Amino acid sequence: LTVTDVPATQNFLETYFGLTCRSSKGKGFAVMLDNDDFVLTLMMGNEVHYPKSFHIGFSQKNEEEVNKINQRLKEGGFNVEPPKQL
């Protein structure tokens, strides 16, 4: 996943989605893991363009967990919409 700020994205994923950094190289590269051994690699890029439909999701056990994450994001200063079930 190419991002403009690897340390900030790493911090966001650790804080709100429980991922941990397995390894990193300076401020431009990080390998993130979750409890199910999902691997997400962060790489620094200056001109990042994803399609409008681009989405990454992290499965949760139930609706309550989704609501807890949404609330923590709000408390962290993020302007997030209420969760929607599709």
Protein backbone atom coordinates (compact mmCIF):
# COMPACT_ATOMS: atom_id res chain seq x y z
CA LEU A 1 0.00 0.00 0.00
CA THR A 2 1.61 3.26 -1.07
CA VAL A 3 1.05 6.16 1.34
CA THR A 4 2.48 9.65 1.69
CA ASP A 5 3.39 9.22 5.38
CA VAL A 6 4.41 5.72 6.46
CA PRO A 7 4.93 6.48 10.20
CA ALA A 8 1.53 8.21 10.48
CA THR A 9 -0.22 5.37 8.65
CA GLN A 10 1.60 2.81 10.79
CA ASN A 11 0.50 4.63 13.95
CA PHE A 12 -3.11 4.82 12.67
CA LEU A 13 -3.23 1.09 11.92
CA GLU A 14 -1.67 0.20 15.28
CA THR A 15 -3.98 2.51 17.24
CA TYR A 16 -7.32 1.78 15.61
CA PHE A 17 -7.01 -1.66 14.01
CA GLY A 18 -4.54 -3.51 16.24
CA LEU A 19 -1.89 -4.15 13.58
CA THR A 20 1.72 -4.34 14.69
CA CYS A 21 4.87 -3.41 12.83
CA ARG A 22 7.00 -6.47 12.18
CA SER A 23 9.81 -4.56 10.50
CA SER A 24 10.54 -1.20 8.97
CA LYS A 25 13.22 0.60 7.04
CA GLY A 26 13.51 4.24 7.96
CA LYS A 27 10.40 6.32 7.36
CA GLY A 28 9.66 4.84 3.95
CA PHE A 29 8.73 1.21 4.51
CA ALA A 30 6.89 -0.87 7.12
CA VAL A 31 5.53 -4.40 7.28
CA MET A 32 2.35 -4.58 9.34
CA LEU A 33 0.71 -7.76 10.69
CA ASP A 34 -2.58 -8.50 12.40
CA ASN A 35 -3.46 -11.39 14.74
CA ASP A 36 -4.47 -13.57 11.78
CA ASP A 37 -1.06 -13.12 10.07
CA PHE A 38 -2.51 -10.74 7.47
CA VAL A 39 0.43 -8.80 6.02
CA LEU A 40 0.09 -5.19 4.90
CA THR A 41 3.20 -3.53 3.51
CA LEU A 42 3.38 0.27 3.63
CA MET A 43 5.61 2.08 1.15
CA MET A 44 6.22 5.81 0.86
CA GLY A 45 5.18 7.57 -2.32
CA ASN A 46 4.67 11.25 -3.11
CA GLU A 47 1.98 10.96 -5.76
CA VAL A 48 -0.50 8.40 -4.53
CA HIS A 49 -3.61 7.94 -6.67
CA TYR A 50 -6.14 5.22 -5.92
CA PRO A 51 -9.46 4.70 -7.72
CA LYS A 52 -12.44 6.26 -5.94
CA SER A 53 -13.77 2.76 -5.29
CA PHE A 54 -10.54 1.63 -3.55
CA HIS A 55 -11.24 0.15 -0.13
CA ILE A 56 -9.43 -1.87 2.53
CA GLY A 57 -11.50 -3.52 5.24
CA PHE A 58 -10.59 -5.29 8.45
CA SER A 59 -13.12 -7.95 9.46
CA GLN A 60 -14.51 -7.66 12.96
CA LYS A 61 -16.16 -10.26 15.18
CA ASN A 62 -19.47 -8.45 15.40
CA GLU A 63 -21.32 -5.16 14.97
CA GLU A 64 -20.36 -4.06 18.49
CA GLU A 65 -16.64 -4.17 17.59
CA VAL A 66 -17.31 -2.11 14.47
CA ASN A 67 -19.13 0.50 16.57
CA LYS A 68 -16.28 0.59 19.11
CA ILE A 69 -13.72 1.28 16.38
CA ASN A 70 -15.97 3.95 14.89
CA GLN A 71 -16.28 5.62 18.30
CA ARG A 72 -12.51 5.49 18.91
CA LEU A 73 -11.93 7.10 15.51
CA LYS A 74 -14.36 9.91 16.42
CA GLU A 75 -12.65 10.39 19.79
CA GLY A 76 -9.32 10.50 17.94
CA GLY A 77 -10.53 13.48 15.92
CA PHE A 78 -11.47 11.71 12.69
CA ASN A 79 -14.61 12.80 10.89
CA VAL A 80 -16.14 9.37 10.25
CA GLU A 81 -19.64 8.44 9.21
CA PRO A 82 -21.67 5.95 11.24
CA PRO A 83 -21.06 2.36 10.12
CA LYS A 84 -23.39 0.95 7.48
CA GLN A 85 -24.18 -2.68 6.90
CA LEU A 86 -24.28 -3.53 3.23
